[in-house]
Amino acid sequence: MAKVFVSVMHHRYYLHPEESQWEYEIDAAPEVLTVIDRLFEQKETFESKAFWRAHVPYVPYHLDPENDGVDLQLKKLYAVIHEYGNDEAKQHIETLPFYR
C-alpha cells in the first residue's frame, strides 16, 4: 500500500502531493490504482458522448443515458476513494448528497 493523491476534477492521481492539486488522499495497492484508471477512462468516454449529445436540444439531461453513465462512474469512483481514503476523505464523501 502506498499513499496516493487523487484529483477527481482532473481525472488523475499522483504519487507525490506536490505534483499537482488533488482532493483526496488514499492508501492504495497497484490493483486499486488500476481500478481508478479504468473508472477515469470510462467516465471520460461517457463525458465525450454526452458532450456531443448536449448539442441536440430536444433530449433533456435526465433522459440522456450518457449522463447516467457519467453519474454512475463518478459514484463508483467516490466509493473506491471512500474505501481506501484517509479519515478526511471519508468524512467529505459522506457529506455528498448521493452517499448512503
N, C-alpha and C. Protein backbone atom coordinates (compact mmCIF):
# COMPACT_ATOMS: atom_id res chain seq x y z
N MET A 1 0.84 -1.18 0.00
CA MET A 1 0.00 0.00 0.00
C MET A 1 0.89 1.24 0.00
N ALA A 2 0.45 2.21 -0.76
CA ALA A 2 1.19 3.46 -0.85
C ALA A 2 0.21 4.63 -0.79
N LYS A 3 0.69 5.74 -0.31
CA LYS A 3 -0.13 6.95 -0.31
C LYS A 3 -0.25 7.45 -1.75
N VAL A 4 -1.48 7.75 -2.10
CA VAL A 4 -1.78 8.25 -3.44
C VAL A 4 -2.70 9.45 -3.27
N PHE A 5 -2.53 10.44 -4.13
CA PHE A 5 -3.27 11.68 -4.03
C PHE A 5 -4.14 11.81 -5.29
N VAL A 6 -5.46 11.77 -5.09
CA VAL A 6 -6.40 11.67 -6.20
C VAL A 6 -7.07 13.02 -6.47
N SER A 7 -7.12 13.35 -7.75
CA SER A 7 -7.86 14.53 -8.19
C SER A 7 -9.00 14.06 -9.09
N VAL A 8 -10.20 14.06 -8.55
CA VAL A 8 -11.37 13.68 -9.33
C VAL A 8 -11.60 14.72 -10.42
N MET A 9 -11.38 15.96 -10.08
CA MET A 9 -11.60 17.05 -11.04
C MET A 9 -10.71 16.90 -12.28
N HIS A 10 -9.47 16.49 -12.10
CA HIS A 10 -8.53 16.38 -13.21
C HIS A 10 -8.43 14.97 -13.78
N HIS A 11 -9.17 14.02 -13.21
CA HIS A 11 -9.14 12.62 -13.65
C HIS A 11 -7.73 12.04 -13.57
N ARG A 12 -7.05 12.30 -12.46
CA ARG A 12 -5.67 11.84 -12.29
C ARG A 12 -5.41 11.51 -10.84
N TYR A 13 -4.35 10.77 -10.64
CA TYR A 13 -3.83 10.58 -9.29
C TYR A 13 -2.32 10.77 -9.33
N TYR A 14 -1.78 11.10 -8.18
CA TYR A 14 -0.36 11.45 -8.09
C TYR A 14 0.28 10.67 -6.95
N LEU A 15 1.53 10.33 -7.13
CA LEU A 15 2.26 9.60 -6.09
C LEU A 15 2.96 10.54 -5.12
N HIS A 16 3.05 11.81 -5.49
CA HIS A 16 3.67 12.82 -4.63
C HIS A 16 2.71 14.00 -4.51
N PRO A 17 2.47 14.48 -3.31
CA PRO A 17 1.46 15.53 -3.12
C PRO A 17 1.80 16.86 -3.80
N GLU A 18 3.05 17.10 -4.06
CA GLU A 18 3.43 18.38 -4.66
C GLU A 18 3.35 18.36 -6.19
N GLU A 19 3.01 17.23 -6.79
CA GLU A 19 2.95 17.15 -8.26
C GLU A 19 1.88 18.05 -8.85
N SER A 20 0.75 18.12 -8.19
CA SER A 20 -0.36 18.94 -8.68
C SER A 20 -1.40 19.04 -7.58
N GLN A 21 -2.45 19.77 -7.87
CA GLN A 21 -3.52 19.86 -6.88
C GLN A 21 -4.32 18.55 -6.86
N TRP A 22 -4.77 18.17 -5.70
CA TRP A 22 -5.54 16.95 -5.52
C TRP A 22 -6.58 17.17 -4.45
N GLU A 23 -7.60 16.31 -4.43
CA GLU A 23 -8.68 16.47 -3.47
C GLU A 23 -8.67 15.41 -2.36
N TYR A 24 -8.18 14.20 -2.66
CA TYR A 24 -8.31 13.10 -1.70
C TYR A 24 -7.00 12.33 -1.57
N GLU A 25 -6.71 11.95 -0.33
CA GLU A 25 -5.55 11.10 -0.06
C GLU A 25 -6.05 9.70 0.25
N ILE A 26 -5.46 8.70 -0.42
CA ILE A 26 -5.84 7.30 -0.17
C ILE A 26 -4.59 6.46 0.05
N ASP A 27 -4.77 5.31 0.65
CA ASP A 27 -3.73 4.29 0.75
C ASP A 27 -4.16 3.15 -0.15
N ALA A 28 -3.44 2.95 -1.25
CA ALA A 28 -3.91 2.01 -2.25
C ALA A 28 -2.79 1.14 -2.80
N ALA A 29 -3.15 -0.10 -3.12
CA ALA A 29 -2.25 -1.03 -3.80
C ALA A 29 -2.34 -0.78 -5.31
N PRO A 30 -1.39 -1.30 -6.07
CA PRO A 30 -1.43 -1.12 -7.53
C PRO A 30 -2.73 -1.58 -8.18
N GLU A 31 -3.35 -2.62 -7.64
CA GLU A 31 -4.61 -3.12 -8.20
C GLU A 31 -5.71 -2.06 -8.08
N VAL A 32 -5.71 -1.34 -6.99
CA VAL A 32 -6.72 -0.29 -6.78
C VAL A 32 -6.49 0.85 -7.77
N LEU A 33 -5.24 1.17 -8.03
CA LEU A 33 -4.93 2.23 -8.99
C LEU A 33 -5.38 1.83 -10.40
N THR A 34 -5.30 0.54 -10.71
CA THR A 34 -5.80 0.06 -12.00
C THR A 34 -7.30 0.27 -12.10
N VAL A 35 -8.01 0.02 -11.01
CA VAL A 35 -9.46 0.25 -10.99
C VAL A 35 -9.77 1.73 -11.16
N ILE A 36 -9.03 2.58 -10.46
CA ILE A 36 -9.23 4.03 -10.58
C ILE A 36 -8.96 4.49 -12.01
N ASP A 37 -7.89 3.98 -12.62
CA ASP A 37 -7.60 4.33 -14.02
C ASP A 37 -8.77 3.97 -14.93
N ARG A 38 -9.29 2.78 -14.74
CA ARG A 38 -10.40 2.31 -15.59
C ARG A 38 -11.64 3.18 -15.38
N LEU A 39 -11.93 3.54 -14.13
CA LEU A 39 -13.08 4.39 -13.85
C LEU A 39 -12.92 5.77 -14.49
N PHE A 40 -11.72 6.33 -14.41
CA PHE A 40 -11.47 7.62 -15.07
C PHE A 40 -11.68 7.50 -16.58
N GLU A 41 -11.17 6.43 -17.19
CA GLU A 41 -11.31 6.24 -18.63
C GLU A 41 -12.79 6.11 -19.03
N GLN A 42 -13.53 5.32 -18.28
CA GLN A 42 -14.95 5.12 -18.59
C GLN A 42 -15.73 6.42 -18.42
N LYS A 43 -15.40 7.15 -17.38
CA LYS A 43 -16.08 8.43 -17.15
C LYS A 43 -15.80 9.39 -18.30
N GLU A 44 -14.56 9.45 -18.75
CA GLU A 44 -14.21 10.33 -19.85
C GLU A 44 -14.93 9.92 -21.14
N THR A 45 -15.09 8.63 -21.37
CA THR A 45 -15.81 8.15 -22.55
C THR A 45 -17.26 8.62 -22.51
N PHE A 46 -17.91 8.44 -21.37
CA PHE A 46 -19.30 8.90 -21.23
C PHE A 46 -19.40 10.42 -21.38
N GLU A 47 -18.44 11.14 -20.81
CA GLU A 47 -18.46 12.60 -20.91
C GLU A 47 -18.31 13.06 -22.35
N SER A 48 -17.48 12.38 -23.12
CA SER A 48 -17.29 12.73 -24.53
C SER A 48 -18.59 12.52 -25.31
N LYS A 49 -19.25 11.40 -25.07
CA LYS A 49 -20.53 11.15 -25.74
C LYS A 49 -21.58 12.16 -25.30
N ALA A 50 -21.59 12.50 -24.03
CA ALA A 50 -22.56 13.46 -23.52
C ALA A 50 -22.31 14.85 -24.10
N PHE A 51 -21.06 15.19 -24.35
CA PHE A 51 -20.74 16.48 -24.95
C PHE A 51 -21.43 16.62 -26.30
N TRP A 52 -21.31 15.60 -27.12
CA TRP A 52 -21.92 15.67 -28.46
C TRP A 52 -23.44 15.64 -28.37
N ARG A 53 -23.98 14.88 -27.44
CA ARG A 53 -25.42 14.82 -27.28
C ARG A 53 -25.97 16.14 -26.78
N ALA A 54 -25.19 16.87 -26.03
CA ALA A 54 -25.64 18.15 -25.47
C ALA A 54 -26.01 19.15 -26.57
N HIS A 55 -25.54 18.92 -27.77
CA HIS A 55 -25.86 19.81 -28.88
C HIS A 55 -27.19 19.47 -29.54
N VAL A 56 -27.86 18.45 -29.01
CA VAL A 56 -29.19 18.08 -29.50
C VAL A 56 -30.19 18.60 -28.47
N PRO A 57 -30.84 19.71 -28.74
CA PRO A 57 -31.63 20.40 -27.72
C PRO A 57 -32.90 19.68 -27.27
N TYR A 58 -33.40 18.74 -28.03
CA TYR A 58 -34.67 18.12 -27.66
C TYR A 58 -34.53 16.91 -26.74
N VAL A 59 -33.31 16.54 -26.34
CA VAL A 59 -33.12 15.44 -25.39
C VAL A 59 -32.74 16.05 -24.04
N PRO A 60 -33.64 15.99 -23.06
CA PRO A 60 -33.33 16.57 -21.75
C PRO A 60 -32.27 15.75 -21.00
N TYR A 61 -31.57 16.43 -20.10
CA TYR A 61 -30.48 15.82 -19.34
C TYR A 61 -30.90 14.51 -18.68
N HIS A 62 -32.05 14.52 -18.04
CA HIS A 62 -32.46 13.35 -17.24
C HIS A 62 -32.88 12.16 -18.11
N LEU A 63 -32.98 12.34 -19.43
CA LEU A 63 -33.29 11.23 -20.33
C LEU A 63 -32.09 10.81 -21.16
N ASP A 64 -30.93 11.29 -20.81
CA ASP A 64 -29.71 11.03 -21.57
C ASP A 64 -28.91 9.91 -20.91
N PRO A 65 -28.78 8.74 -21.56
CA PRO A 65 -28.07 7.62 -20.93
C PRO A 65 -26.58 7.90 -20.69
N GLU A 66 -25.97 8.75 -21.52
CA GLU A 66 -24.56 9.08 -21.28
C GLU A 66 -24.38 9.82 -19.96
N ASN A 67 -25.32 10.70 -19.62
CA ASN A 67 -25.23 11.40 -18.34
C ASN A 67 -25.39 10.43 -17.19
N ASP A 68 -26.26 9.44 -17.36
CA ASP A 68 -26.40 8.41 -16.33
C ASP A 68 -25.09 7.65 -16.16
N GLY A 69 -24.41 7.39 -17.26
CA GLY A 69 -23.12 6.70 -17.21
C GLY A 69 -22.07 7.51 -16.48
N VAL A 70 -22.03 8.81 -16.75
CA VAL A 70 -21.08 9.70 -16.05
C VAL A 70 -21.37 9.66 -14.56
N ASP A 71 -22.64 9.78 -14.19
CA ASP A 71 -23.02 9.79 -12.78
C ASP A 71 -22.65 8.48 -12.09
N LEU A 72 -22.89 7.35 -12.77
CA LEU A 72 -22.59 6.05 -12.19
C LEU A 72 -21.08 5.88 -11.98
N GLN A 73 -20.29 6.26 -12.98
CA GLN A 73 -18.84 6.12 -12.85
C GLN A 73 -18.31 7.02 -11.73
N LEU A 74 -18.89 8.20 -11.59
CA LEU A 74 -18.48 9.10 -10.53
C LEU A 74 -18.80 8.51 -9.16
N LYS A 75 -19.97 7.91 -9.02
CA LYS A 75 -20.34 7.26 -7.76
C LYS A 75 -19.40 6.10 -7.44
N LYS A 76 -19.05 5.32 -8.45
CA LYS A 76 -18.12 4.21 -8.24
C LYS A 76 -16.75 4.74 -7.81
N LEU A 77 -16.31 5.80 -8.45
CA LEU A 77 -15.03 6.40 -8.11
C LEU A 77 -15.01 6.89 -6.66
N TYR A 78 -16.07 7.56 -6.26
CA TYR A 78 -16.14 8.02 -4.87
C TYR A 78 -16.23 6.85 -3.90
N ALA A 79 -16.84 5.75 -4.30
CA ALA A 79 -16.90 4.56 -3.44
C ALA A 79 -15.51 3.99 -3.21
N VAL A 80 -14.69 3.95 -4.26
CA VAL A 80 -13.32 3.46 -4.13
C VAL A 80 -12.51 4.41 -3.24
N ILE A 81 -12.66 5.69 -3.47
CA ILE A 81 -11.93 6.67 -2.66
C ILE A 81 -12.36 6.56 -1.20
N HIS A 82 -13.65 6.38 -0.96
CA HIS A 82 -14.14 6.24 0.41
C HIS A 82 -13.56 4.98 1.05
N GLU A 83 -13.49 3.91 0.31
CA GLU A 83 -12.97 2.63 0.84
C GLU A 83 -11.51 2.75 1.27
N TYR A 84 -10.70 3.42 0.47
CA TYR A 84 -9.26 3.47 0.72
C TYR A 84 -8.77 4.83 1.23
N GLY A 85 -9.66 5.77 1.36
CA GLY A 85 -9.27 7.12 1.75
C GLY A 85 -8.93 7.27 3.21
N ASN A 86 -8.26 8.37 3.51
CA ASN A 86 -7.99 8.71 4.90
C ASN A 86 -9.28 9.23 5.55
N ASP A 87 -9.23 9.53 6.82
CA ASP A 87 -10.43 9.96 7.54
C ASP A 87 -11.05 11.23 6.93
N GLU A 88 -10.20 12.16 6.53
CA GLU A 88 -10.71 13.40 5.94
C GLU A 88 -11.46 13.12 4.63
N ALA A 89 -10.92 12.24 3.80
CA ALA A 89 -11.58 11.89 2.54
C ALA A 89 -12.93 11.22 2.82
N LYS A 90 -12.93 10.29 3.76
CA LYS A 90 -14.18 9.58 4.08
C LYS A 90 -15.24 10.55 4.61
N GLN A 91 -14.84 11.43 5.49
CA GLN A 91 -15.80 12.38 6.06
C GLN A 91 -16.38 13.29 4.97
N HIS A 92 -15.54 13.73 4.05
CA HIS A 92 -16.04 14.60 2.98
C HIS A 92 -17.01 13.85 2.07
N ILE A 93 -16.66 12.65 1.67
CA ILE A 93 -17.52 11.88 0.77
C ILE A 93 -18.85 11.56 1.44
N GLU A 94 -18.85 11.34 2.73
CA GLU A 94 -20.09 11.05 3.44
C GLU A 94 -21.03 12.26 3.49
N THR A 95 -20.53 13.44 3.19
CA THR A 95 -21.40 14.63 3.14
C THR A 95 -22.02 14.84 1.76
N LEU A 96 -21.56 14.10 0.76
CA LEU A 96 -22.08 14.27 -0.59
C LEU A 96 -23.51 13.76 -0.66
N PRO A 97 -24.36 14.39 -1.48
CA PRO A 97 -25.80 14.07 -1.47
C PRO A 97 -26.13 12.64 -1.89
N PHE A 98 -25.29 11.99 -2.68
CA PHE A 98 -25.63 10.65 -3.13
C PHE A 98 -25.09 9.55 -2.22
N TYR A 99 -24.36 9.92 -1.18
CA TYR A 99 -23.78 8.92 -0.29
C TYR A 99 -24.86 8.31 0.60
N ARG A 100 -24.82 7.01 0.74
CA ARG A 100 -25.75 6.30 1.65
C ARG A 100 -24.98 5.44 2.59
